[in-house]
PDB file of N, CA and C in Angstrom:
ATOM      1  N   MET A   1      69.918  14.645  23.128  1.00  0.00           N
ATOM      2  CA  MET A   1      69.001  14.854  22.026  1.00  0.00           C
ATOM      3  C   MET A   1      67.771  15.594  22.564  1.00  0.00           C
ATOM      4  N   ARG A   2      67.408  16.652  21.859  1.00  0.00           N
ATOM      5  CA  ARG A   2      66.255  17.432  22.268  1.00  0.00           C
ATOM      6  C   ARG A   2      64.964  16.782  21.772  1.00  0.00           C
ATOM      7  N   LEU A   3      63.844  17.236  22.310  1.00  0.00           N
ATOM      8  CA  LEU A   3      62.544  16.660  21.975  1.00  0.00           C
ATOM      9  C   LEU A   3      62.222  16.834  20.496  1.00  0.00           C
ATOM     10  N   GLN A   4      62.554  17.979  19.917  1.00  0.00           N
ATOM     11  CA  GLN A   4      62.260  18.207  18.503  1.00  0.00           C
ATOM     12  C   GLN A   4      63.025  17.208  17.629  1.00  0.00           C
ATOM     13  N   GLU A   5      64.247  16.887  17.995  1.00  0.00           N
ATOM     14  CA  GLU A   5      65.029  15.923  17.229  1.00  0.00           C
ATOM     15  C   GLU A   5      64.477  14.517  17.407  1.00  0.00           C
ATOM     16  N   ALA A   6      63.986  14.199  18.585  1.00  0.00           N
ATOM     17  CA  ALA A   6      63.472  12.861  18.867  1.00  0.00           C
ATOM     18  C   ALA A   6      62.109  12.626  18.227  1.00  0.00           C
ATOM     19  N   GLU A   7      61.357  13.692  17.928  1.00  0.00           N
ATOM     20  CA  GLU A   7      60.024  13.511  17.356  1.00  0.00           C
ATOM     21  C   GLU A   7      60.060  12.768  16.037  1.00  0.00           C
ATOM     22  N   GLY A   8      61.088  12.945  15.256  1.00  0.00           N
ATOM     23  CA  GLY A   8      61.194  12.245  13.991  1.00  0.00           C
ATOM     24  C   GLY A   8      61.615  10.803  14.150  1.00  0.00           C
ATOM     25  N   LEU A   9      62.240  10.454  15.262  1.00  0.00           N
ATOM     26  CA  LEU A   9      62.753   9.102  15.471  1.00  0.00           C
ATOM     27  C   LEU A   9      61.804   8.217  16.275  1.00  0.00           C
ATOM     28  N   TYR A  10      61.167   8.784  17.285  1.00  0.00           N
ATOM     29  CA  TYR A  10      60.302   8.017  18.178  1.00  0.00           C
ATOM     30  C   TYR A  10      58.846   8.391  17.943  1.00  0.00           C
ATOM     31  N   HIS A  11      57.994   7.390  17.994  1.00  0.00           N
ATOM     32  CA  HIS A  11      56.563   7.605  17.794  1.00  0.00           C
ATOM     33  C   HIS A  11      55.801   7.019  18.979  1.00  0.00           C
ATOM     34  N   PRO A  12      54.699   7.655  19.370  1.00  0.00           N
ATOM     35  CA  PRO A  12      53.882   7.075  20.449  1.00  0.00           C
ATOM     36  C   PRO A  12      53.080   5.883  19.933  1.00  0.00           C
ATOM     37  N   TYR A  13      53.082   4.815  20.709  1.00  0.00           N
ATOM     38  CA  TYR A  13      52.311   3.604  20.411  1.00  0.00           C
ATOM     39  C   TYR A  13      51.366   3.343  21.575  1.00  0.00           C
ATOM     40  N   GLU A  14      50.129   3.047  21.252  1.00  0.00           N
ATOM     41  CA  GLU A  14      49.156   2.652  22.266  1.00  0.00           C
ATOM     42  C   GLU A  14      49.253   1.141  22.446  1.00  0.00           C
ATOM     43  N   VAL A  15      49.214   0.689  23.690  1.00  0.00           N
ATOM     44  CA  VAL A  15      49.427  -0.730  24.008  1.00  0.00           C
ATOM     45  C   VAL A  15      48.125  -1.353  24.498  1.00  0.00           C
ATOM     46  N   PHE A  16      47.774  -2.487  23.892  1.00  0.00           N
ATOM     47  CA  PHE A  16      46.586  -3.257  24.270  1.00  0.00           C
ATOM     48  C   PHE A  16      47.037  -4.659  24.655  1.00  0.00           C
ATOM     49  N   VAL A  17      46.543  -5.155  25.790  1.00  0.00           N
ATOM     50  CA  VAL A  17      46.972  -6.450  26.312  1.00  0.00           C
ATOM     51  C   VAL A  17      45.767  -7.363  26.478  1.00  0.00           C
ATOM     52  N   GLN A  18      45.942  -8.625  26.098  1.00  0.00           N
ATOM     53  CA  GLN A  18      44.932  -9.654  26.340  1.00  0.00           C
ATOM     54  C   GLN A  18      45.500 -10.552  27.439  1.00  0.00           C
ATOM     55  N   TYR A  19      44.866 -10.546  28.600  1.00  0.00           N
ATOM     56  CA  TYR A  19      45.378 -11.281  29.754  1.00  0.00           C
ATOM     57  C   TYR A  19      44.989 -12.755  29.731  1.00  0.00           C
ATOM     58  N   ASP A  20      43.920 -13.091  29.032  1.00  0.00           N
ATOM     59  CA  ASP A  20      43.424 -14.456  28.994  1.00  0.00           C
ATOM     60  C   ASP A  20      42.812 -14.678  27.611  1.00  0.00           C
ATOM     61  N   HIS A  21      42.814 -15.908  27.138  1.00  0.00           N
ATOM     62  CA  HIS A  21      42.264 -16.209  25.817  1.00  0.00           C
ATOM     63  C   HIS A  21      40.776 -15.890  25.718  1.00  0.00           C
ATOM     64  N   LEU A  22      40.073 -15.847  26.840  1.00  0.00           N
ATOM     65  CA  LEU A  22      38.637 -15.601  26.839  1.00  0.00           C
ATOM     66  C   LEU A  22      38.280 -14.131  27.006  1.00  0.00           C
ATOM     67  N   GLN A  23      39.287 -13.266  27.213  1.00  0.00           N
ATOM     68  CA  GLN A  23      39.032 -11.849  27.426  1.00  0.00           C
ATOM     69  C   GLN A  23      39.360 -11.041  26.172  1.00  0.00           C
ATOM     70  N   HIS A  24      38.846  -9.826  26.138  1.00  0.00           N
ATOM     71  CA  HIS A  24      39.166  -8.896  25.066  1.00  0.00           C
ATOM     72  C   HIS A  24      40.480  -8.184  25.392  1.00  0.00           C
ATOM     73  N   HIS A  25      41.083  -7.579  24.378  1.00  0.00           N
ATOM     74  CA  HIS A  25      42.260  -6.755  24.619  1.00  0.00           C
ATOM     75  C   HIS A  25      41.840  -5.488  25.366  1.00  0.00           C
ATOM     76  N   GLN A  26      42.704  -5.044  26.287  1.00  0.00           N
ATOM     77  CA  GLN A  26      42.433  -3.856  27.080  1.00  0.00           C
ATOM     78  C   GLN A  26      43.560  -2.856  26.873  1.00  0.00           C
ATOM     79  N   HIS A  27      43.210  -1.593  26.788  1.00  0.00           N
ATOM     80  CA  HIS A  27      44.229  -0.553  26.675  1.00  0.00           C
ATOM     81  C   HIS A  27      44.902  -0.398  28.031  1.00  0.00           C
ATOM     82  N   VAL A  28      46.241  -0.471  28.046  1.00  0.00           N
ATOM     83  CA  VAL A  28      46.959  -0.401  29.312  1.00  0.00           C
ATOM     84  C   VAL A  28      47.923   0.771  29.389  1.00  0.00           C
ATOM     85  N   GLY A  29      48.164   1.445  28.269  1.00  0.00           N
ATOM     86  CA  GLY A  29      49.068   2.576  28.326  1.00  0.00           C
ATOM     87  C   GLY A  29      49.699   2.873  26.977  1.00  0.00           C
ATOM     88  N   SER A  30      50.750   3.699  27.023  1.00  0.00           N
ATOM     89  CA  SER A  30      51.450   4.119  25.817  1.00  0.00           C
ATOM     90  C   SER A  30      52.950   3.985  26.021  1.00  0.00           C
ATOM     91  N   VAL A  31      53.666   3.816  24.920  1.00  0.00           N
ATOM     92  CA  VAL A  31      55.133   3.802  24.944  1.00  0.00           C
ATOM     93  C   VAL A  31      55.639   4.621  23.758  1.00  0.00           C
ATOM     94  N   LEU A  32      56.856   5.140  23.876  1.00  0.00           N
ATOM     95  CA  LEU A  32      57.531   5.819  22.774  1.00  0.00           C
ATOM     96  C   LEU A  32      58.583   4.875  22.230  1.00  0.00           C
ATOM     97  N   ALA A  33      58.547   4.640  20.920  1.00  0.00           N
ATOM     98  CA  ALA A  33      59.499   3.693  20.331  1.00  0.00           C
ATOM     99  C   ALA A  33      59.758   4.061  18.876  1.00  0.00           C
ATOM    100  N   PRO A  34      60.913   3.640  18.342  1.00  0.00           N
ATOM    101  CA  PRO A  34      61.233   3.940  16.948  1.00  0.00           C
ATOM    102  C   PRO A  34      60.553   3.003  15.947  1.00  0.00           C
ATOM    103  N   SER A  35      60.093   1.819  16.399  1.00  0.00           N
ATOM    104  CA  SER A  35      59.475   0.852  15.490  1.00  0.00           C
ATOM    105  C   SER A  35      58.471   0.002  16.263  1.00  0.00           C
ATOM    106  N   PRO A  36      57.583  -0.697  15.557  1.00  0.00           N
ATOM    107  CA  PRO A  36      56.614  -1.557  16.245  1.00  0.00           C
ATOM    108  C   PRO A  36      57.278  -2.690  17.024  1.00  0.00           C
ATOM    109  N   GLU A  37      58.373  -3.226  16.507  1.00  0.00           N
ATOM    110  CA  GLU A  37      59.063  -4.317  17.197  1.00  0.00           C
ATOM    111  C   GLU A  37      59.623  -3.844  18.538  1.00  0.00           C
ATOM    112  N   VAL A  38      60.233  -2.668  18.535  1.00  0.00           N
ATOM    113  CA  VAL A  38      60.770  -2.111  19.782  1.00  0.00           C
ATOM    114  C   VAL A  38      59.626  -1.731  20.715  1.00  0.00           C
ATOM    115  N   ALA A  39      58.517  -1.259  20.161  1.00  0.00           N
ATOM    116  CA  ALA A  39      57.354  -0.914  20.985  1.00  0.00           C
ATOM    117  C   ALA A  39      56.824  -2.148  21.711  1.00  0.00           C
ATOM    118  N   LEU A  40      56.805  -3.302  21.029  1.00  0.00           N
ATOM    119  CA  LEU A  40      56.378  -4.545  21.686  1.00  0.00           C
ATOM    120  C   LEU A  40      57.306  -4.900  22.845  1.00  0.00           C
ATOM    121  N   LEU A  41      58.614  -4.780  22.618  1.00  0.00           N
ATOM    122  CA  LEU A  41      59.573  -5.083  23.690  1.00  0.00           C
ATOM    123  C   LEU A  41      59.420  -4.114  24.858  1.00  0.00           C
ATOM    124  N   MET A  42      59.259  -2.844  24.545  1.00  0.00           N
ATOM    125  CA  MET A  42      59.102  -1.850  25.611  1.00  0.00           C
ATOM    126  C   MET A  42      57.799  -2.066  26.373  1.00  0.00           C
ATOM    127  N   ALA A  43      56.749  -2.439  25.664  1.00  0.00           N
ATOM    128  CA  ALA A  43      55.464  -2.713  26.327  1.00  0.00           C
ATOM    129  C   ALA A  43      55.611  -3.892  27.277  1.00  0.00           C
ATOM    130  N   ARG A  44      56.306  -4.935  26.838  1.00  0.00           N
ATOM    131  CA  ARG A  44      56.507  -6.095  27.700  1.00  0.00           C
ATOM    132  C   ARG A  44      57.306  -5.718  28.937  1.00  0.00           C
ATOM    133  N   GLU A  45      58.378  -4.967  28.747  1.00  0.00           N
ATOM    134  CA  GLU A  45      59.237  -4.607  29.879  1.00  0.00           C
ATOM    135  C   GLU A  45      58.586  -3.620  30.838  1.00  0.00           C
ATOM    136  N   ASN A  46      57.820  -2.681  30.309  1.00  0.00           N
ATOM    137  CA  ASN A  46      57.274  -1.620  31.160  1.00  0.00           C
ATOM    138  C   ASN A  46      55.881  -1.901  31.698  1.00  0.00           C
ATOM    139  N   LEU A  47      55.083  -2.661  30.973  1.00  0.00           N
ATOM    140  CA  LEU A  47      53.684  -2.811  31.363  1.00  0.00           C
ATOM    141  C   LEU A  47      53.303  -4.234  31.760  1.00  0.00           C
ATOM    142  N   LEU A  48      54.168  -5.212  31.531  1.00  0.00           N
ATOM    143  CA  LEU A  48      53.811  -6.601  31.839  1.00  0.00           C
ATOM    144  C   LEU A  48      54.801  -7.265  32.785  1.00  0.00           C
ATOM    145  N   ARG A  49      55.445  -6.516  33.630  1.00  0.00           N
ATOM    146  CA  ARG A  49      56.426  -7.115  34.546  1.00  0.00           C
ATOM    147  C   ARG A  49      55.774  -7.990  35.609  1.00  0.00           C
ATOM    148  N   ARG A  50      54.609  -7.599  36.077  1.00  0.00           N
ATOM    149  CA  ARG A  50      53.986  -8.310  37.194  1.00  0.00           C
ATOM    150  C   ARG A  50      52.775  -9.146  36.784  1.00  0.00           C
ATOM    151  N   GLU A  51      52.343  -9.024  35.550  1.00  0.00           N
ATOM    152  CA  GLU A  51      51.139  -9.742  35.135  1.00  0.00           C
ATOM    153  C   GLU A  51      51.438 -10.627  33.941  1.00  0.00           C
ATOM    154  N   ARG A  52      50.718 -11.727  33.877  1.00  0.00           N
ATOM    155  CA  ARG A  52      50.842 -12.629  32.733  1.00  0.00           C
ATOM    156  C   ARG A  52      49.871 -12.199  31.652  1.00  0.00           C
ATOM    157  N   ALA A  53      50.259 -12.406  30.404  1.00  0.00           N
ATOM    158  CA  ALA A  53      49.396 -12.057  29.279  1.00  0.00           C
ATOM    159  C   ALA A  53      49.569 -13.112  28.198  1.00  0.00           C
ATOM    160  N   VAL A  54      48.602 -13.174  27.292  1.00  0.00           N
ATOM    161  CA  VAL A  54      48.692 -14.122  26.189  1.00  0.00           C
ATOM    162  C   VAL A  54      48.914 -13.426  24.850  1.00  0.00           C
ATOM    163  N   ASN A  55      48.643 -12.087  24.788  1.00  0.00           N
ATOM    164  CA  ASN A  55      48.812 -11.375  23.529  1.00  0.00           C
ATOM    165  C   ASN A  55      48.969  -9.888  23.810  1.00  0.00           C
ATOM    166  N   VAL A  56      49.749  -9.212  22.973  1.00  0.00           N
ATOM    167  CA  VAL A  56      49.963  -7.773  23.096  1.00  0.00           C
ATOM    168  C   VAL A  56      49.836  -7.144  21.716  1.00  0.00           C
ATOM    169  N   TRP A  57      49.117  -6.049  21.645  1.00  0.00           N
ATOM    170  CA  TRP A  57      49.031  -5.258  20.413  1.00  0.00           C
ATOM    171  C   TRP A  57      49.669  -3.907  20.683  1.00  0.00           C
ATOM    172  N   VAL A  58      50.403  -3.379  19.714  1.00  0.00           N
ATOM    173  CA  VAL A  58      50.846  -1.987  19.742  1.00  0.00           C
ATOM    174  C   VAL A  58      50.366  -1.331  18.457  1.00  0.00           C
ATOM    175  N   VAL A  59      49.791  -0.143  18.599  1.00  0.00           N
ATOM    176  CA  VAL A  59      49.246   0.587  17.462  1.00  0.00           C
ATOM    177  C   VAL A  59      49.813   2.001  17.492  1.00  0.00           C
ATOM    178  N   ARG A  60      50.402   2.388  16.390  1.00  0.00           N
ATOM    179  CA  ARG A  60      50.950   3.735  16.319  1.00  0.00           C
ATOM    180  C   ARG A  60      49.810   4.742  16.464  1.00  0.00           C
ATOM    181  N   LYS A  61      49.998   5.707  17.334  1.00  0.00           N
ATOM    182  CA  LYS A  61      48.917   6.618  17.695  1.00  0.00           C
ATOM    183  C   LYS A  61      48.382   7.391  16.499  1.00  0.00           C
ATOM    184  N   ASP A  62      49.223   7.752  15.556  1.00  0.00           N
ATOM    185  CA  ASP A  62      48.731   8.511  14.411  1.00  0.00           C
ATOM    186  C   ASP A  62      48.000   7.630  13.399  1.00  0.00           C
ATOM    187  N   GLN A  63      47.935   6.328  13.645  1.00  0.00           N
ATOM    188  CA  GLN A  63      47.190   5.411  12.787  1.00  0.00           C
ATOM    189  C   GLN A  63      45.800   5.092  13.339  1.00  0.00           C
ATOM    190  N   ILE A  64      45.458   5.666  14.478  1.00  0.00           N
ATOM    191  CA  ILE A  64      44.147   5.454  15.074  1.00  0.00           C
ATOM    192  C   ILE A  64      43.194   6.491  14.515  1.00  0.00           C
ATOM    193  N   HIS A  65      42.074   6.045  14.012  1.00  0.00           N
ATOM    194  CA  HIS A  65      41.051   6.941  13.466  1.00  0.00           C
ATOM    195  C   HIS A  65      39.868   6.943  14.426  1.00  0.00           C
ATOM    196  N   ALA A  66      39.485   8.128  14.848  1.00  0.00           N
ATOM    197  CA  ALA A  66      38.423   8.242  15.847  1.00  0.00           C
ATOM    198  C   ALA A  66      37.426   9.314  15.431  1.00  0.00           C
ATOM    199  N   THR A  67      36.269   9.272  16.049  1.00  0.00           N
ATOM    200  CA  THR A  67      35.255  10.288  15.794  1.00  0.00           C
ATOM    201  C   THR A  67      35.596  11.550  16.578  1.00  0.00           C
ATOM    202  N   ASP A  68      34.976  12.638  16.167  1.00  0.00           N
ATOM    203  CA  ASP A  68      35.133  13.905  16.857  1.00  0.00           C
ATOM    204  C   ASP A  68      34.120  13.951  18.002  1.00  0.00           C
ATOM    205  N   TYR A  69      34.527  14.457  19.154  1.00  0.00           N
ATOM    206  CA  TYR A  69      33.620  14.511  20.302  1.00  0.00           C
ATOM    207  C   TYR A  69      32.401  15.387  20.029  1.00  0.00           C
ATOM    208  N   GLY A  70      32.529  16.373  19.179  1.00  0.00           N
ATOM    209  CA  GLY A  70      31.421  17.269  18.890  1.00  0.00           C
ATOM    210  C   GLY A  70      30.507  16.791  17.780  1.00  0.00           C
ATOM    211  N   ASP A  71      30.771  15.635  17.199  1.00  0.00           N
ATOM    212  CA  ASP A  71      29.987  15.131  16.075  1.00  0.00           C
ATOM    213  C   ASP A  71      28.779  14.345  16.576  1.00  0.00           C
ATOM    214  N   ASP A  72      27.733  15.073  16.982  1.00  0.00           N
ATOM    215  CA  ASP A  72      26.524  14.421  17.493  1.00  0.00           C
ATOM    216  C   ASP A  72      25.750  13.716  16.386  1.00  0.00           C
ATOM    217  N   ASP A  73      25.874  14.200  15.160  1.00  0.00           N
ATOM    218  CA  ASP A  73      25.157  13.574  14.044  1.00  0.00           C
ATOM    219  C   ASP A  73      25.637  12.151  13.784  1.00  0.00           C
ATOM    220  N   PHE A  74      26.898  11.891  14.042  1.00  0.00           N
ATOM    221  CA  PHE A  74      27.438  10.556  13.809  1.00  0.00           C
ATOM    222  C   PHE A  74      26.747   9.521  14.698  1.00  0.00           C
ATOM    223  N   PHE A  75      26.440   9.910  15.927  1.00  0.00           N
ATOM    224  CA  PHE A  75      25.846   8.982  16.885  1.00  0.00           C
ATOM    225  C   PHE A  75      24.322   9.083  16.953  1.00  0.00           C
ATOM    226  N   ALA A  76      23.734   9.934  16.134  1.00  0.00           N
ATOM    227  CA  ALA A  76      22.272  10.060  16.126  1.00  0.00           C
ATOM    228  C   ALA A  76      21.664   8.765  15.601  1.00  0.00           C
ATOM    229  N   GLN A  77      20.559   8.354  16.197  1.00  0.00           N
ATOM    230  CA  GLN A  77      19.901   7.125  15.784  1.00  0.00           C
ATOM    231  C   GLN A  77      18.757   7.458  14.835  1.00  0.00           C
ATOM    232  N   GLU A  78      18.646   6.677  13.773  1.00  0.00           N
ATOM    233  CA  GLU A  78      17.607   6.929  12.774  1.00  0.00           C
ATOM    234  C   GLU A  78      16.209   6.648  13.321  1.00  0.00           C
ATOM    235  N   PHE A  79      16.080   5.597  14.082  1.00  0.00           N
ATOM    236  CA  PHE A  79      14.783   5.187  14.604  1.00  0.00           C
ATOM    237  C   PHE A  79      14.827   5.199  16.120  1.00  0.00           C
ATOM    238  N   ASP A  80      13.669   5.399  16.721  1.00  0.00           N
ATOM    239  CA  ASP A  80      13.579   5.359  18.174  1.00  0.00           C
ATOM    240  C   ASP A  80      13.553   3.902  18.613  1.00  0.00           C
ATOM    241  N   ARG A  81      14.634   3.476  19.178  1.00  0.00           N
ATOM    242  CA  ARG A  81      14.726   2.092  19.666  1.00  0.00           C
ATOM    243  C   ARG A  81      15.008   2.089  21.167  1.00  0.00           C
ATOM    244  N   SER A  82      14.374   2.997  21.862  1.00  0.00           N
ATOM    245  CA  SER A  82      14.604   3.100  23.296  1.00  0.00           C
ATOM    246  C   SER A  82      14.147   1.853  24.032  1.00  0.00           C
ATOM    247  N   TYR A  83      13.244   1.081  23.423  1.00  0.00           N
ATOM    248  CA  TYR A  83      12.779  -0.146  24.068  1.00  0.00           C
ATOM    249  C   TYR A  83      13.899  -1.182  24.179  1.00  0.00           C
ATOM    250  N   ARG A  84      14.978  -0.998  23.438  1.00  0.00           N
ATOM    251  CA  ARG A  84      16.097  -1.939  23.513  1.00  0.00           C
ATOM    252  C   ARG A  84      17.073  -1.600  24.633  1.00  0.00           C
ATOM    253  N   ARG A  85      16.972  -0.401  25.169  1.00  0.00           N
ATOM    254  CA  ARG A  85      17.899   0.026  26.209  1.00  0.00           C
ATOM    255  C   ARG A  85      17.365  -0.361  27.581  1.00  0.00           C
ATOM    256  N   VAL A  86      18.266  -0.640  28.484  1.00  0.00           N
ATOM    257  CA  VAL A  86      17.891  -1.067  29.832  1.00  0.00           C
ATOM    258  C   VAL A  86      17.536   0.121  30.713  1.00  0.00           C
ATOM    259  N   ASP A  87      17.990   1.304  30.369  1.00  0.00           N
ATOM    260  CA  ASP A  87      17.775   2.451  31.250  1.00  0.00           C
ATOM    261  C   ASP A  87      16.305   2.810  31.422  1.00  0.00           C
ATOM    262  N   GLY A  88      15.412   2.303  30.590  1.00  0.00           N
ATOM    263  CA  GLY A  88      13.987   2.571  30.736  1.00  0.00           C
ATOM    264  C   GLY A  88      13.332   1.745  31.828  1.00  0.00           C
ATOM    265  N   TYR A  89      13.979   0.690  32.271  1.00  0.00           N
ATOM    266  CA  TYR A  89      13.421  -0.170  33.302  1.00  0.00           C
ATOM    267  C   TYR A  89      13.904   0.321  34.659  1.00  0.00           C
ATOM    268  N   SER A  90      13.065   1.046  35.319  1.00  0.00           N
ATOM    269  CA  SER A  90      13.456   1.653  36.582  1.00  0.00           C
ATOM    270  C   SER A  90      12.584   1.136  37.719  1.00  0.00           C
ATOM    271  N   ALA A  91      12.776   1.711  38.866  1.00  0.00           N
ATOM    272  CA  ALA A  91      11.961   1.344  40.032  1.00  0.00           C
ATOM    273  C   ALA A  91      10.503   1.726  39.799  1.00  0.00           C
ATOM    274  N   ASP A  92      10.281   2.751  38.984  1.00  0.00           N
ATOM    275  CA  ASP A  92       8.914   3.159  38.677  1.00  0.00           C
ATOM    276  C   ASP A  92       8.187   2.049  37.921  1.00  0.00           C
ATOM    277  N   ASN A  93       8.865   1.361  37.045  1.00  0.00           N
ATOM    278  CA  ASN A  93       8.249   0.247  36.325  1.00  0.00           C
ATOM    279  C   ASN A  93       7.879  -0.894  37.279  1.00  0.00           C
ATOM    280  N   ALA A  94       8.712  -1.126  38.272  1.00  0.00           N
ATOM    281  CA  ALA A  94       8.412  -2.175  39.248  1.00  0.00           C
ATOM    282  C   ALA A  94       7.144  -1.814  40.025  1.00  0.00           C
ATOM    283  N   ARG A  95       6.990  -0.546  40.367  1.00  0.00           N
ATOM    284  CA  ARG A  95       5.790  -0.099  41.087  1.00  0.00           C
ATOM    285  C   ARG A  95       4.549  -0.274  40.213  1.00  0.00           C
ATOM    286  N   LYS A  96       4.655   0.104  38.946  1.00  0.00           N
ATOM    287  CA  LYS A  96       3.521  -0.040  38.031  1.00  0.00           C
ATOM    288  C   LYS A  96       3.150  -1.506  37.838  1.00  0.00           C
ATOM    289  N   TRP A  97       4.144  -2.374  37.735  1.00  0.00           N
ATOM    290  CA  TRP A  97       3.877  -3.804  37.557  1.00  0.00           C
ATOM    291  C   TRP A  97       3.167  -4.369  38.782  1.00  0.00           C
ATOM    292  N   LYS A  98       3.576  -3.940  39.962  1.00  0.00           N
ATOM    293  CA  LYS A  98       2.938  -4.405  41.191  1.00  0.00           C
ATOM    294  C   LYS A  98       1.472  -3.960  41.237  1.00  0.00           C
ATOM    295  N   GLN A  99       1.204  -2.720  40.833  1.00  0.00           N
ATOM    296  CA  GLN A  99      -0.176  -2.236  40.793  1.00  0.00           C
ATOM    297  C   GLN A  99      -1.007  -3.028  39.786  1.00  0.00           C
ATOM    298  N   PHE A 100      -0.444  -3.321  38.628  1.00  0.00           N
ATOM    299  CA  PHE A 100      -1.148  -4.081  37.611  1.00  0.00           C
ATOM    300  C   PHE A 100      -1.499  -5.480  38.126  1.00  0.00           C
ATOM    301  N   LYS A 101      -0.548  -6.154  38.785  1.00  0.00           N
ATOM    302  CA  LYS A 101      -0.819  -7.495  39.314  1.00  0.00           C
ATOM    303  C   LYS A 101      -1.909  -7.440  40.378  1.00  0.00           C
ATOM    304  N   GLN A 102      -1.901  -6.406  41.216  1.00  0.00           N
ATOM    305  CA  GLN A 102      -2.914  -6.280  42.266  1.00  0.00           C
ATOM    306  C   GLN A 102      -4.305  -6.113  41.648  1.00  0.00           C
ATOM    307  N   ARG A 103      -4.392  -5.253  40.612  1.00  0.00           N
ATOM    308  CA  ARG A 103      -5.684  -5.070  39.941  1.00  0.00           C
ATOM    309  C   ARG A 103      -6.130  -6.348  39.248  1.00  0.00           C
ATOM    310  N   ALA A 104      -5.198  -7.088  38.662  1.00  0.00           N
ATOM    311  CA  ALA A 104      -5.546  -8.335  37.978  1.00  0.00           C
ATOM    312  C   ALA A 104      -6.075  -9.352  38.977  1.00  0.00           C
ATOM    313  N   LEU A 105      -5.486  -9.416  40.180  1.00  0.00           N
ATOM    314  CA  LEU A 105      -5.978 -10.345  41.198  1.00  0.00           C
ATOM    315  C   LEU A 105      -7.385  -9.958  41.653  1.00  0.00           C
ATOM    316  N   GLU A 106      -7.638  -8.654  41.805  1.00  0.00           N
ATOM    317  CA  GLU A 106      -8.973  -8.204  42.201  1.00  0.00           C
ATOM    318  C   GLU A 106      -9.992  -8.533  41.121  1.00  0.00           C
ATOM    319  N   LEU A 107      -9.611  -8.394  39.860  1.00  0.00           N
ATOM    320  CA  LEU A 107     -10.507  -8.704  38.750  1.00  0.00           C
ATOM    321  C   LEU A 107     -10.830 -10.191  38.733  1.00  0.00           C
ATOM    322  N   GLU A 108      -9.856 -11.036  38.992  1.00  0.00           N
ATOM    323  CA  GLU A 108     -10.096 -12.489  39.046  1.00  0.00           C
ATOM    324  C   GLU A 108     -11.058 -12.834  40.174  1.00  0.00           C
ATOM    325  N   ASP A 109     -10.930 -12.159  41.314  1.00  0.00           N
ATOM    326  CA  ASP A 109     -11.850 -12.392  42.437  1.00  0.00           C
ATOM    327  C   ASP A 109     -13.282 -12.014  42.053  1.00  0.00           C
ATOM    328  N   MET A 110     -13.423 -10.912  41.343  1.00  0.00           N
ATOM    329  CA  MET A 110     -14.767 -10.481  40.952  1.00  0.00           C
ATOM    330  C   MET A 110     -15.363 -11.419  39.906  1.00  0.00           C
ATOM    331  N   LEU A 111     -14.552 -11.882  39.000  1.00  0.00           N
ATOM    332  CA  LEU A 111     -15.057 -12.798  37.975  1.00  0.00           C
ATOM    333  C   LEU A 111     -15.368 -14.173  38.558  1.00  0.00           C
ATOM    334  N   GLY A 112     -14.652 -14.557  39.566  1.00  0.00           N
ATOM    335  CA  GLY A 112     -14.853 -15.865  40.175  1.00  0.00           C
ATOM    336  C   GLY A 112     -16.137 -15.943  40.994  1.00  0.00           C
ATOM    337  N   ASP A 113     -16.645 -14.799  41.472  1.00  0.00           N
ATOM    338  CA  ASP A 113     -17.866 -14.812  42.307  1.00  0.00           C
ATOM    339  C   ASP A 113     -19.105 -14.957  41.522  1.00  0.00           C
TER     340      ASP A 113
END
């Protein structure tokens, strides 16, 4: 059977595995299968031979809806909430905090005299 003939029979499925009840599902790979039931069996045989899992999801690839990589407007933020991000706390902030504490200690010494 040629690839063009198989395209109508087999569909790509993305496989997600949950290894522990406390973990999230993780994408582990893809399988080609004619149905979701066969995709589950193929995922178990091909991707879970050496590892234990508690749950497996298979999702037909053409059923996944995703954003376009070039759609910057979709991810644009309405308000500046940079104070919520951790990337603003750098080594420079540590230096500034140290200087502030040093000045505060000097001010306490002057007020105490």
